[in-house]
């Protein structure tokens, strides 16, 4: 059990290091899409790119129209990128700029702890055993820390306000 926890912690550390490097590449896609923008910047015509990819020029036209709508495959992006002596950089990174995986876990744990405590505090209010706001906040932190320490995946069962889990 300890080995799994240590292994997961090490894996998370390695992934976070990679995410730290990728977060610097936080550039939005150009409105026309990356393929058209790079092709145009390189001075490459649609016909030339089509020949280099090994498809008809209509396929490149369609690819450039679909990319801004996010309706292309990684394979087609990689083929076009390779034909332009480029490569696709693909990653999943935290939505919030500068956030870490630990930040995501902490936010989910706090949301889960708040839900757990809300259910308990409702019962306590019914029994006239209310608690102060400071006590509630301290208890949320304590429960969140327990959830994190236990690597309790129930933190993912709670919907974060304004964000929908997939």
Foldseek 3Di string as FASTA:
>chain_A
DVVVVVVVVVVQVVVQVVLVVCLVVPDDAPLQGDLVVLCVVVVHDLCQLCVLLVHHSVVSVVVSVCRSVVPDDLVVVQSSQVSSVHGDDDDDHDPDRPDGPVNVLLLLLLQVLLVVVVVVQVVCVVVVNHDDPVVSVVSSNVSSVVCVVVVPPCSVVGADPPDGDD
